[in-house]
């Protein structure tokens, strides 16, 4: 059986700063779970930077086939429960594949990770609200 755990979270937005924030959260949680020895595939961490640099689309329609293939070979889907995750087309699609294939689903509260990243919360538009200190750096 595969050891891959797929990291799902809402990403697409009309606001670039929301997508940048969500990618930062994905990157940080990906790194923290990887430090625990877990085998994580984080599509936002893989695709966000490439999409921005080379002009690829950021909507789920473009990434859907790739995401669904990775979900289907994963042992678990980890949903980062940022605001909008329940409405996210991508997260809903990924959960459908997981449910159809009997793949375990874990729901992860991002609050402890956000605090360590130096965020005290998320505003009504989905952007992180910074505190004065970033706690994850040594």
Protein backbone atom coordinates (compact mmCIF):
# COMPACT_ATOMS: atom_id res chain seq x y z
CA UNK A 1 0.00 0.00 0.00
CA UNK A 2 1.12 3.52 -0.72
CA UNK A 3 2.38 5.66 2.15
CA UNK A 4 1.40 8.91 0.39
CA UNK A 5 -0.79 11.34 2.31
CA UNK A 6 -2.45 13.95 0.11
CA UNK A 7 -2.76 17.49 1.47
CA UNK A 8 -6.04 19.15 0.41
CA UNK A 9 -7.01 22.77 1.06
CA UNK A 10 -8.90 25.55 -0.70
CA UNK A 11 -6.68 27.52 -3.07
CA UNK A 12 -8.33 29.37 -5.97
CA UNK A 13 -9.50 32.90 -5.27
CA UNK A 14 -10.12 36.17 -7.08
CA UNK A 15 -7.56 37.69 -4.73
CA UNK A 16 -3.89 36.91 -5.33
CA UNK A 17 -2.98 37.55 -1.69
CA UNK A 18 -5.44 34.85 -0.59
CA UNK A 19 -3.79 32.30 -2.88
CA UNK A 20 -0.33 33.35 -1.66
CA UNK A 21 -1.47 32.93 1.96
CA UNK A 22 -2.99 29.51 1.24
CA UNK A 23 0.20 28.38 -0.52
CA UNK A 24 2.28 29.51 2.48
CA UNK A 25 0.03 27.50 4.81
CA UNK A 26 0.34 24.47 2.52
CA UNK A 27 4.12 24.81 2.38
CA UNK A 28 4.44 25.08 6.16
CA UNK A 29 2.11 22.19 7.01
CA UNK A 30 3.77 20.08 4.30
CA UNK A 31 7.17 20.76 5.90
CA UNK A 32 5.96 20.09 9.45
CA UNK A 33 4.27 16.79 8.56
CA UNK A 34 7.32 15.73 6.52
CA UNK A 35 9.54 16.35 9.58
CA UNK A 36 7.43 13.70 11.33
CA UNK A 37 8.52 11.20 8.68
CA UNK A 38 5.22 11.24 6.83
CA UNK A 39 5.18 10.95 3.02
CA UNK A 40 3.20 14.02 1.96
CA UNK A 41 2.10 15.13 -1.49
CA UNK A 42 0.99 18.77 -1.40
CA UNK A 43 -0.38 19.85 -4.81
CA UNK A 44 -0.62 23.53 -3.82
CA UNK A 45 3.01 23.49 -2.71
CA UNK A 46 3.95 21.77 -5.95
CA UNK A 47 1.85 23.86 -8.31
CA UNK A 48 1.47 27.37 -6.88
CA UNK A 49 5.01 28.53 -7.50
CA UNK A 50 5.17 26.95 -10.97
CA UNK A 51 1.81 28.45 -11.94
CA UNK A 52 2.92 31.92 -10.86
CA UNK A 53 6.31 31.72 -12.55
CA UNK A 54 5.18 30.18 -15.83
CA UNK A 55 1.62 31.46 -16.20
CA UNK A 56 -0.32 28.24 -15.65
CA UNK A 57 -3.99 28.45 -14.67
CA UNK A 58 -4.80 28.34 -10.96
CA UNK A 59 -8.30 26.87 -11.23
CA UNK A 60 -9.14 23.30 -10.28
CA UNK A 61 -10.30 22.48 -13.81
CA UNK A 62 -6.71 22.70 -15.04
CA UNK A 63 -5.27 20.63 -12.16
CA UNK A 64 -8.19 18.23 -11.66
CA UNK A 65 -6.83 15.17 -13.50
CA UNK A 66 -3.46 15.39 -11.75
CA UNK A 67 -5.05 15.89 -8.33
CA UNK A 68 -7.47 13.02 -8.76
CA UNK A 69 -4.67 10.67 -9.86
CA UNK A 70 -2.61 11.51 -6.78
CA UNK A 71 -5.60 11.15 -4.46
CA UNK A 72 -6.39 7.74 -5.94
CA UNK A 73 -2.93 6.37 -5.05
CA UNK A 74 -2.82 7.91 -1.57
CA UNK A 75 -3.47 6.11 1.70
CA UNK A 76 -5.00 9.24 3.23
CA UNK A 77 -6.33 12.68 2.34
CA UNK A 78 -5.58 15.38 4.90
CA UNK A 79 -7.96 18.33 4.62
CA UNK A 80 -6.59 21.59 6.00
CA UNK A 81 -9.76 23.23 7.27
CA UNK A 82 -9.09 26.81 6.20
CA UNK A 83 -12.14 29.01 5.62
CA UNK A 84 -13.80 27.96 2.38
CA UNK A 85 -12.73 24.33 2.44
CA UNK A 86 -16.31 23.05 2.41
CA UNK A 87 -17.18 25.20 -0.62
CA UNK A 88 -13.94 24.57 -2.52
CA UNK A 89 -14.50 22.83 -5.86
CA UNK A 90 -11.07 21.24 -5.60
CA UNK A 91 -11.46 19.95 -2.05
CA UNK A 92 -14.94 18.62 -2.86
CA UNK A 93 -13.56 16.82 -5.94
CA UNK A 94 -10.66 15.36 -3.99
CA UNK A 95 -12.97 14.17 -1.21
CA UNK A 96 -15.29 12.56 -3.74
CA UNK A 97 -12.41 10.51 -5.16
CA UNK A 98 -11.28 9.58 -1.64
CA UNK A 99 -14.79 8.54 -0.62
CA UNK A 100 -15.35 6.57 -3.85
CA UNK A 101 -12.10 4.67 -3.30
CA UNK A 102 -12.48 4.19 0.46
CA UNK A 103 -9.43 6.32 1.23
CA UNK A 104 -9.09 7.57 4.81
CA UNK A 105 -9.79 11.27 5.38
CA UNK A 106 -8.28 13.36 8.19
CA UNK A 107 -9.51 16.88 8.98
CA UNK A 108 -6.72 19.13 10.26
CA UNK A 109 -7.27 22.31 12.26
CA UNK A 110 -4.78 24.84 10.86
CA UNK A 111 -4.85 27.13 13.94
CA UNK A 112 -1.71 25.77 15.67
CA UNK A 113 0.23 25.98 12.40
CA UNK A 114 -1.03 29.50 11.69
CA UNK A 115 0.13 30.62 15.13
CA UNK A 116 3.59 29.18 14.54
CA UNK A 117 3.69 30.97 11.17
CA UNK A 118 2.97 34.24 12.94
CA UNK A 119 -0.74 34.63 12.14
CA UNK A 120 -3.29 35.45 14.80
CA UNK A 121 -6.23 34.64 12.55
CA UNK A 122 -7.81 34.98 9.14
CA UNK A 123 -9.80 38.01 8.00
CA UNK A 124 -13.23 37.92 6.38
CA UNK A 125 -11.65 37.85 2.90
CA UNK A 126 -9.49 34.81 3.65
CA UNK A 127 -6.17 36.57 4.25
CA UNK A 128 -3.94 35.79 7.20
CA UNK A 129 -3.73 38.42 9.94
CA UNK A 130 -0.09 38.70 11.01
CA UNK A 131 1.17 39.04 14.54
CA UNK A 132 4.48 40.76 15.09
CA UNK A 133 6.48 37.52 15.46
CA UNK A 134 7.00 34.53 13.17
CA UNK A 135 7.49 31.61 15.52
CA UNK A 136 8.57 28.78 13.20
CA UNK A 137 12.07 30.08 12.54
CA UNK A 138 14.89 29.13 14.91
